[in-house]
């Protein structure tokens, strides 16, 4: 299996991942793999409703960061998505 190096992880995100692994009783590697799998299998509307989707205001890039949106922001995103589903 290939190894991947991920650069640019800020301190806050690193701590959140470590806490998640610790709280789940799993290794850090297993935790990151689980988070990546969950992100890739999730659909955007469900991820937004869980506060797992963040839009980088500097670009159109979508990034997965658990809990990064407030409830109001996640609701606004869900509402915007639902209006596009009708098109």
PDB file of N, CA and C in Angstrom:
ATOM      1  N   UNK A   1       0.832  -1.189   0.000  1.00  0.00           N
ATOM      2  CA  UNK A   1       0.000   0.000   0.000  1.00  0.00           C
ATOM      3  C   UNK A   1       0.873   1.248   0.000  1.00  0.00           C
ATOM      4  N   UNK A   2       0.449   2.255  -0.729  1.00  0.00           N
ATOM      5  CA  UNK A   2       1.240   3.492  -0.758  1.00  0.00           C
ATOM      6  C   UNK A   2       1.080   4.294   0.528  1.00  0.00           C
ATOM      7  N   UNK A   3       2.103   5.063   0.831  1.00  0.00           N
ATOM      8  CA  UNK A   3       2.052   6.008   1.940  1.00  0.00           C
ATOM      9  C   UNK A   3       1.839   7.394   1.356  1.00  0.00           C
ATOM     10  N   UNK A   4       1.115   8.225   2.085  1.00  0.00           N
ATOM     11  CA  UNK A   4       0.885   9.602   1.655  1.00  0.00           C
ATOM     12  C   UNK A   4       1.410  10.543   2.720  1.00  0.00           C
ATOM     13  N   UNK A   5       2.013  11.628   2.290  1.00  0.00           N
ATOM     14  CA  UNK A   5       2.477  12.673   3.194  1.00  0.00           C
ATOM     15  C   UNK A   5       1.534  13.855   3.027  1.00  0.00           C
ATOM     16  N   UNK A   6       0.958  14.315   4.116  1.00  0.00           N
ATOM     17  CA  UNK A   6       0.047  15.458   4.056  1.00  0.00           C
ATOM     18  C   UNK A   6       0.723  16.625   4.733  1.00  0.00           C
ATOM     19  N   UNK A   7       0.915  17.702   3.972  1.00  0.00           N
ATOM     20  CA  UNK A   7       1.590  18.897   4.496  1.00  0.00           C
ATOM     21  C   UNK A   7       0.559  19.955   4.840  1.00  0.00           C
ATOM     22  N   UNK A   8       0.953  20.880   5.701  1.00  0.00           N
ATOM     23  CA  UNK A   8       0.133  22.056   5.971  1.00  0.00           C
ATOM     24  C   UNK A   8      -0.986  21.842   6.970  1.00  0.00           C
ATOM     25  N   UNK A   9      -0.903  20.822   7.791  1.00  0.00           N
ATOM     26  CA  UNK A   9      -1.923  20.609   8.819  1.00  0.00           C
ATOM     27  C   UNK A   9      -1.645  21.585   9.952  1.00  0.00           C
ATOM     28  N   UNK A  10      -2.606  22.467  10.217  1.00  0.00           N
ATOM     29  CA  UNK A  10      -2.389  23.442  11.287  1.00  0.00           C
ATOM     30  C   UNK A  10      -2.526  22.763  12.650  1.00  0.00           C
ATOM     31  N   UNK A  11      -2.029  23.423  13.671  1.00  0.00           N
ATOM     32  CA  UNK A  11      -2.009  22.865  15.020  1.00  0.00           C
ATOM     33  C   UNK A  11      -3.377  22.507  15.555  1.00  0.00           C
ATOM     34  N   UNK A  12      -4.373  23.352  15.279  1.00  0.00           N
ATOM     35  CA  UNK A  12      -5.725  23.090  15.771  1.00  0.00           C
ATOM     36  C   UNK A  12      -6.303  21.819  15.154  1.00  0.00           C
ATOM     37  N   UNK A  13      -6.139  21.652  13.838  1.00  0.00           N
ATOM     38  CA  UNK A  13      -6.641  20.450  13.175  1.00  0.00           C
ATOM     39  C   UNK A  13      -5.918  19.213  13.691  1.00  0.00           C
ATOM     40  N   UNK A  14      -4.599  19.303  13.863  1.00  0.00           N
ATOM     41  CA  UNK A  14      -3.826  18.170  14.374  1.00  0.00           C
ATOM     42  C   UNK A  14      -4.327  17.759  15.756  1.00  0.00           C
ATOM     43  N   UNK A  15      -4.597  18.731  16.603  1.00  0.00           N
ATOM     44  CA  UNK A  15      -5.107  18.425  17.946  1.00  0.00           C
ATOM     45  C   UNK A  15      -6.485  17.778  17.888  1.00  0.00           C
ATOM     46  N   UNK A  16      -7.329  18.265  16.998  1.00  0.00           N
ATOM     47  CA  UNK A  16      -8.671  17.694  16.869  1.00  0.00           C
ATOM     48  C   UNK A  16      -8.601  16.241  16.404  1.00  0.00           C
ATOM     49  N   UNK A  17      -7.699  15.954  15.477  1.00  0.00           N
ATOM     50  CA  UNK A  17      -7.540  14.577  15.011  1.00  0.00           C
ATOM     51  C   UNK A  17      -7.019  13.694  16.141  1.00  0.00           C
ATOM     52  N   UNK A  18      -6.032  14.186  16.883  1.00  0.00           N
ATOM     53  CA  UNK A  18      -5.485  13.422  18.011  1.00  0.00           C
ATOM     54  C   UNK A  18      -6.554  13.159  19.070  1.00  0.00           C
ATOM     55  N   UNK A  19      -7.359  14.171  19.369  1.00  0.00           N
ATOM     56  CA  UNK A  19      -8.439  13.996  20.352  1.00  0.00           C
ATOM     57  C   UNK A  19      -9.451  12.960  19.871  1.00  0.00           C
ATOM     58  N   UNK A  20      -9.787  13.028  18.589  1.00  0.00           N
ATOM     59  CA  UNK A  20     -10.745  12.073  18.028  1.00  0.00           C
ATOM     60  C   UNK A  20     -10.209  10.644  18.143  1.00  0.00           C
ATOM     61  N   UNK A  21      -8.939  10.460  17.822  1.00  0.00           N
ATOM     62  CA  UNK A  21      -8.319   9.135  17.932  1.00  0.00           C
ATOM     63  C   UNK A  21      -8.319   8.665  19.379  1.00  0.00           C
ATOM     64  N   UNK A  22      -7.926   9.557  20.285  1.00  0.00           N
ATOM     65  CA  UNK A  22      -7.878   9.220  21.705  1.00  0.00           C
ATOM     66  C   UNK A  22      -9.272   8.852  22.222  1.00  0.00           C
ATOM     67  N   UNK A  23     -10.276   9.678  21.881  1.00  0.00           N
ATOM     68  CA  UNK A  23     -11.648   9.424  22.336  1.00  0.00           C
ATOM     69  C   UNK A  23     -12.222   8.134  21.757  1.00  0.00           C
ATOM     70  N   UNK A  24     -11.769   7.790  20.541  1.00  0.00           N
ATOM     71  CA  UNK A  24     -12.263   6.576  19.885  1.00  0.00           C
ATOM     72  C   UNK A  24     -11.473   5.333  20.290  1.00  0.00           C
ATOM     73  N   UNK A  25     -10.351   5.539  20.969  1.00  0.00           N
ATOM     74  CA  UNK A  25      -9.521   4.410  21.403  1.00  0.00           C
ATOM     75  C   UNK A  25      -8.826   3.713  20.246  1.00  0.00           C
ATOM     76  N   UNK A  26      -8.460   4.480  19.217  1.00  0.00           N
ATOM     77  CA  UNK A  26      -7.790   3.907  18.048  1.00  0.00           C
ATOM     78  C   UNK A  26      -6.490   4.662  17.801  1.00  0.00           C
ATOM     79  N   UNK A  27      -5.650   4.069  16.964  1.00  0.00           N
ATOM     80  CA  UNK A  27      -4.390   4.728  16.644  1.00  0.00           C
ATOM     81  C   UNK A  27      -4.654   5.957  15.778  1.00  0.00           C
ATOM     82  N   UNK A  28      -3.694   6.850  15.761  1.00  0.00           N
ATOM     83  CA  UNK A  28      -3.805   8.054  14.947  1.00  0.00           C
ATOM     84  C   UNK A  28      -3.928   7.691  13.469  1.00  0.00           C
ATOM     85  N   UNK A  29      -3.154   6.727  13.010  1.00  0.00           N
ATOM     86  CA  UNK A  29      -3.210   6.298  11.616  1.00  0.00           C
ATOM     87  C   UNK A  29      -4.602   5.763  11.265  1.00  0.00           C
ATOM     88  N   UNK A  30      -5.146   4.894  12.106  1.00  0.00           N
ATOM     89  CA  UNK A  30      -6.481   4.342  11.864  1.00  0.00           C
ATOM     90  C   UNK A  30      -7.528   5.449  11.872  1.00  0.00           C
ATOM     91  N   UNK A  31      -7.371   6.393  12.765  1.00  0.00           N
ATOM     92  CA  UNK A  31      -8.298   7.514  12.855  1.00  0.00           C
ATOM     93  C   UNK A  31      -8.307   8.314  11.556  1.00  0.00           C
ATOM     94  N   UNK A  32      -7.134   8.661  11.050  1.00  0.00           N
ATOM     95  CA  UNK A  32      -7.041   9.451   9.816  1.00  0.00           C
ATOM     96  C   UNK A  32      -7.624   8.662   8.646  1.00  0.00           C
ATOM     97  N   UNK A  33      -7.326   7.366   8.561  1.00  0.00           N
ATOM     98  CA  UNK A  33      -7.898   6.541   7.494  1.00  0.00           C
ATOM     99  C   UNK A  33      -9.424   6.520   7.571  1.00  0.00           C
ATOM    100  N   UNK A  34      -9.961   6.369   8.789  1.00  0.00           N
ATOM    101  CA  UNK A  34     -11.421   6.356   8.972  1.00  0.00           C
ATOM    102  C   UNK A  34     -12.039   7.687   8.556  1.00  0.00           C
ATOM    103  N   UNK A  35     -11.406   8.792   8.938  1.00  0.00           N
ATOM    104  CA  UNK A  35     -11.917  10.113   8.582  1.00  0.00           C
ATOM    105  C   UNK A  35     -11.894  10.327   7.070  1.00  0.00           C
ATOM    106  N   UNK A  36     -10.818   9.913   6.418  1.00  0.00           N
ATOM    107  CA  UNK A  36     -10.736  10.042   4.966  1.00  0.00           C
ATOM    108  C   UNK A  36     -11.793   9.197   4.267  1.00  0.00           C
ATOM    109  N   UNK A  37     -11.961   7.952   4.722  1.00  0.00           N
ATOM    110  CA  UNK A  37     -12.995   7.092   4.126  1.00  0.00           C
ATOM    111  C   UNK A  37     -14.382   7.697   4.294  1.00  0.00           C
ATOM    112  N   UNK A  38     -14.677   8.177   5.503  1.00  0.00           N
ATOM    113  CA  UNK A  38     -15.988   8.776   5.771  1.00  0.00           C
ATOM    114  C   UNK A  38     -16.215   9.997   4.888  1.00  0.00           C
ATOM    115  N   UNK A  39     -15.184  10.798   4.706  1.00  0.00           N
ATOM    116  CA  UNK A  39     -15.312  12.003   3.876  1.00  0.00           C
ATOM    117  C   UNK A  39     -15.555  11.642   2.417  1.00  0.00           C
ATOM    118  N   UNK A  40     -14.870  10.641   1.914  1.00  0.00           N
ATOM    119  CA  UNK A  40     -15.001  10.267   0.511  1.00  0.00           C
ATOM    120  C   UNK A  40     -16.303   9.540   0.223  1.00  0.00           C
ATOM    121  N   UNK A  41     -16.876   8.907   1.217  1.00  0.00           N
ATOM    122  CA  UNK A  41     -18.132   8.180   1.026  1.00  0.00           C
ATOM    123  C   UNK A  41     -19.350   9.040   1.313  1.00  0.00           C
ATOM    124  N   UNK A  42     -19.144  10.187   1.970  1.00  0.00           N
ATOM    125  CA  UNK A  42     -20.275  11.021   2.345  1.00  0.00           C
ATOM    126  C   UNK A  42     -20.750  11.882   1.199  1.00  0.00           C
ATOM    127  N   UNK A  43     -22.055  12.216   1.231  1.00  0.00           N
ATOM    128  CA  UNK A  43     -22.518  13.154   0.220  1.00  0.00           C
ATOM    129  C   UNK A  43     -22.505  14.553   0.825  1.00  0.00           C
ATOM    130  N   UNK A  44     -22.309  15.576   0.005  1.00  0.00           N
ATOM    131  CA  UNK A  44     -22.133  16.937   0.517  1.00  0.00           C
ATOM    132  C   UNK A  44     -23.245  17.427   1.432  1.00  0.00           C
ATOM    133  N   UNK A  45     -24.504  17.097   1.134  1.00  0.00           N
ATOM    134  CA  UNK A  45     -25.609  17.566   1.971  1.00  0.00           C
ATOM    135  C   UNK A  45     -25.515  16.969   3.370  1.00  0.00           C
ATOM    136  N   UNK A  46     -25.211  15.670   3.462  1.00  0.00           N
ATOM    137  CA  UNK A  46     -25.084  15.026   4.775  1.00  0.00           C
ATOM    138  C   UNK A  46     -23.870  15.571   5.524  1.00  0.00           C
ATOM    139  N   UNK A  47     -22.766  15.782   4.790  1.00  0.00           N
ATOM    140  CA  UNK A  47     -21.571  16.297   5.436  1.00  0.00           C
ATOM    141  C   UNK A  47     -21.815  17.704   5.973  1.00  0.00           C
ATOM    142  N   UNK A  48     -22.512  18.524   5.215  1.00  0.00           N
ATOM    143  CA  UNK A  48     -22.808  19.883   5.667  1.00  0.00           C
ATOM    144  C   UNK A  48     -23.712  19.852   6.888  1.00  0.00           C
ATOM    145  N   UNK A  49     -24.679  18.942   6.904  1.00  0.00           N
ATOM    146  CA  UNK A  49     -25.595  18.876   8.039  1.00  0.00           C
ATOM    147  C   UNK A  49     -24.874  18.465   9.312  1.00  0.00           C
ATOM    148  N   UNK A  50     -23.755  17.752   9.183  1.00  0.00           N
ATOM    149  CA  UNK A  50     -22.947  17.366  10.338  1.00  0.00           C
ATOM    150  C   UNK A  50     -21.854  18.386  10.622  1.00  0.00           C
ATOM    151  N   UNK A  51     -21.824  19.463   9.842  1.00  0.00           N
ATOM    152  CA  UNK A  51     -20.794  20.482  10.035  1.00  0.00           C
ATOM    153  C   UNK A  51     -19.427  20.029   9.593  1.00  0.00           C
ATOM    154  N   UNK A  52     -19.364  19.135   8.607  1.00  0.00           N
ATOM    155  CA  UNK A  52     -18.088  18.580   8.166  1.00  0.00           C
ATOM    156  C   UNK A  52     -17.573  19.201   6.881  1.00  0.00           C
ATOM    157  N   UNK A  53     -18.253  20.194   6.348  1.00  0.00           N
ATOM    158  CA  UNK A  53     -17.852  20.724   5.060  1.00  0.00           C
ATOM    159  C   UNK A  53     -17.521  22.192   5.202  1.00  0.00           C
ATOM    160  N   UNK A  54     -16.377  22.591   4.698  1.00  0.00           N
ATOM    161  CA  UNK A  54     -15.958  23.987   4.750  1.00  0.00           C
ATOM    162  C   UNK A  54     -15.555  24.426   3.360  1.00  0.00           C
ATOM    163  N   UNK A  55     -16.012  25.594   2.959  1.00  0.00           N
ATOM    164  CA  UNK A  55     -15.607  26.147   1.685  1.00  0.00           C
ATOM    165  C   UNK A  55     -14.536  27.192   1.955  1.00  0.00           C
ATOM    166  N   UNK A  56     -13.378  27.027   1.343  1.00  0.00           N
ATOM    167  CA  UNK A  56     -12.276  27.972   1.493  1.00  0.00           C
ATOM    168  C   UNK A  56     -12.645  29.237   0.737  1.00  0.00           C
ATOM    169  N   UNK A  57     -12.778  30.354   1.451  1.00  0.00           N
ATOM    170  CA  UNK A  57     -13.210  31.598   0.818  1.00  0.00           C
ATOM    171  C   UNK A  57     -12.208  32.107  -0.206  1.00  0.00           C
ATOM    172  N   UNK A  58     -10.969  31.645  -0.154  1.00  0.00           N
ATOM    173  CA  UNK A  58      -9.959  32.088  -1.100  1.00  0.00           C
ATOM    174  C   UNK A  58      -9.975  31.332  -2.405  1.00  0.00           C
ATOM    175  N   UNK A  59     -10.726  30.248  -2.471  1.00  0.00           N
ATOM    176  CA  UNK A  59     -10.799  29.465  -3.709  1.00  0.00           C
ATOM    177  C   UNK A  59     -12.109  28.689  -3.710  1.00  0.00           C
ATOM    178  N   UNK A  60     -12.291  27.860  -4.723  1.00  0.00           N
ATOM    179  CA  UNK A  60     -13.503  27.044  -4.781  1.00  0.00           C
ATOM    180  C   UNK A  60     -13.251  25.656  -4.210  1.00  0.00           C
ATOM    181  N   UNK A  61     -12.134  25.467  -3.549  1.00  0.00           N
ATOM    182  CA  UNK A  61     -11.756  24.168  -3.011  1.00  0.00           C
ATOM    183  C   UNK A  61     -12.643  23.799  -1.826  1.00  0.00           C
ATOM    184  N   UNK A  62     -13.125  22.561  -1.809  1.00  0.00           N
ATOM    185  CA  UNK A  62     -13.875  22.057  -0.662  1.00  0.00           C
ATOM    186  C   UNK A  62     -12.923  21.265   0.219  1.00  0.00           C
ATOM    187  N   UNK A  63     -12.990  21.521   1.506  1.00  0.00           N
ATOM    188  CA  UNK A  63     -12.146  20.788   2.438  1.00  0.00           C
ATOM    189  C   UNK A  63     -13.024  20.188   3.520  1.00  0.00           C
ATOM    190  N   UNK A  64     -12.672  18.998   3.982  1.00  0.00           N
ATOM    191  CA  UNK A  64     -13.412  18.344   5.046  1.00  0.00           C
ATOM    192  C   UNK A  64     -12.708  18.612   6.359  1.00  0.00           C
ATOM    193  N   UNK A  65     -13.427  19.241   7.272  1.00  0.00           N
ATOM    194  CA  UNK A  65     -12.905  19.540   8.598  1.00  0.00           C
ATOM    195  C   UNK A  65     -14.063  19.394   9.575  1.00  0.00           C
ATOM    196  N   UNK A  66     -14.117  18.308  10.289  1.00  0.00           N
ATOM    197  CA  UNK A  66     -15.244  18.057  11.178  1.00  0.00           C
ATOM    198  C   UNK A  66     -15.527  19.208  12.109  1.00  0.00           C
ATOM    199  N   UNK A  67     -16.762  19.675  12.109  1.00  0.00           N
ATOM    200  CA  UNK A  67     -17.195  20.704  13.029  1.00  0.00           C
ATOM    201  C   UNK A  67     -16.725  22.101  12.707  1.00  0.00           C
ATOM    202  N   UNK A  68     -16.333  22.373  11.481  1.00  0.00           N
ATOM    203  CA  UNK A  68     -15.768  23.677  11.174  1.00  0.00           C
ATOM    204  C   UNK A  68     -16.819  24.751  10.917  1.00  0.00           C
ATOM    205  N   UNK A  69     -18.046  24.385  10.611  1.00  0.00           N
ATOM    206  CA  UNK A  69     -19.100  25.370  10.384  1.00  0.00           C
ATOM    207  C   UNK A  69     -19.979  25.483  11.610  1.00  0.00           C
ATOM    208  N   UNK A  70     -20.507  26.656  11.815  1.00  0.00           N
ATOM    209  CA  UNK A  70     -21.518  26.822  12.867  1.00  0.00           C
ATOM    210  C   UNK A  70     -22.812  26.200  12.357  1.00  0.00           C
ATOM    211  N   UNK A  71     -23.749  25.991  13.238  1.00  0.00           N
ATOM    212  CA  UNK A  71     -25.039  25.427  12.848  1.00  0.00           C
ATOM    213  C   UNK A  71     -25.752  26.289  11.824  1.00  0.00           C
ATOM    214  N   UNK A  72     -25.677  27.612  11.990  1.00  0.00           N
ATOM    215  CA  UNK A  72     -26.328  28.525  11.047  1.00  0.00           C
ATOM    216  C   UNK A  72     -25.689  28.439   9.665  1.00  0.00           C
ATOM    217  N   UNK A  73     -24.353  28.339   9.628  1.00  0.00           N
ATOM    218  CA  UNK A  73     -23.665  28.229   8.347  1.00  0.00           C
ATOM    219  C   UNK A  73     -24.010  26.916   7.651  1.00  0.00           C
ATOM    220  N   UNK A  74     -24.040  25.837   8.403  1.00  0.00           N
ATOM    221  CA  UNK A  74     -24.380  24.535   7.825  1.00  0.00           C
ATOM    222  C   UNK A  74     -25.809  24.547   7.288  1.00  0.00           C
ATOM    223  N   UNK A  75     -26.740  25.164   8.027  1.00  0.00           N
ATOM    224  CA  UNK A  75     -28.133  25.252   7.575  1.00  0.00           C
ATOM    225  C   UNK A  75     -28.226  26.069   6.292  1.00  0.00           C
ATOM    226  N   UNK A  76     -27.518  27.182   6.235  1.00  0.00           N
ATOM    227  CA  UNK A  76     -27.536  28.019   5.038  1.00  0.00           C
ATOM    228  C   UNK A  76     -27.014  27.240   3.833  1.00  0.00           C
ATOM    229  N   UNK A  77     -25.974  26.447   4.040  1.00  0.00           N
ATOM    230  CA  UNK A  77     -25.424  25.643   2.955  1.00  0.00           C
ATOM    231  C   UNK A  77     -26.420  24.582   2.509  1.00  0.00           C
ATOM    232  N   UNK A  78     -27.040  23.892   3.466  1.00  0.00           N
ATOM    233  CA  UNK A  78     -28.053  22.881   3.132  1.00  0.00           C
ATOM    234  C   UNK A  78     -29.192  23.504   2.346  1.00  0.00           C
ATOM    235  N   UNK A  79     -29.655  24.679   2.790  1.00  0.00           N
ATOM    236  CA  UNK A  79     -30.752  25.366   2.094  1.00  0.00           C
ATOM    237  C   UNK A  79     -30.351  25.723   0.668  1.00  0.00           C
ATOM    238  N   UNK A  80     -29.129  26.204   0.502  1.00  0.00           N
ATOM    239  CA  UNK A  80     -28.645  26.548  -0.829  1.00  0.00           C
ATOM    240  C   UNK A  80     -28.556  25.303  -1.712  1.00  0.00           C
ATOM    241  N   UNK A  81     -28.077  24.187  -1.138  1.00  0.00           N
ATOM    242  CA  UNK A  81     -27.989  22.948  -1.900  1.00  0.00           C
ATOM    243  C   UNK A  81     -29.358  22.443  -2.313  1.00  0.00           C
ATOM    244  N   UNK A  82     -30.323  22.508  -1.394  1.00  0.00           N
ATOM    245  CA  UNK A  82     -31.644  21.966  -1.706  1.00  0.00           C
ATOM    246  C   UNK A  82     -32.304  22.747  -2.827  1.00  0.00           C
ATOM    247  N   UNK A  83     -32.059  24.060  -2.894  1.00  0.00           N
ATOM    248  CA  UNK A  83     -32.641  24.827  -3.990  1.00  0.00           C
ATOM    249  C   UNK A  83     -32.015  24.439  -5.329  1.00  0.00           C
ATOM    250  N   UNK A  84     -30.760  24.011  -5.327  1.00  0.00           N
ATOM    251  CA  UNK A  84     -30.102  23.597  -6.567  1.00  0.00           C
ATOM    252  C   UNK A  84     -30.549  22.206  -7.012  1.00  0.00           C
ATOM    253  N   UNK A  85     -31.020  21.390  -6.081  1.00  0.00           N
ATOM    254  CA  UNK A  85     -31.459  20.053  -6.442  1.00  0.00           C
ATOM    255  C   UNK A  85     -32.713  20.090  -7.310  1.00  0.00           C
ATOM    256  N   UNK A  86     -33.477  21.153  -7.208  1.00  0.00           N
ATOM    257  CA  UNK A  86     -34.701  21.278  -7.996  1.00  0.00           C
ATOM    258  C   UNK A  86     -34.410  21.598  -9.457  1.00  0.00           C
ATOM    259  N   UNK A  87     -33.245  22.147  -9.725  1.00  0.00           N
ATOM    260  CA  UNK A  87     -32.907  22.570 -11.093  1.00  0.00           C
ATOM    261  C   UNK A  87     -32.706  21.415 -12.006  1.00  0.00           C
TER     262      UNK A  87
END
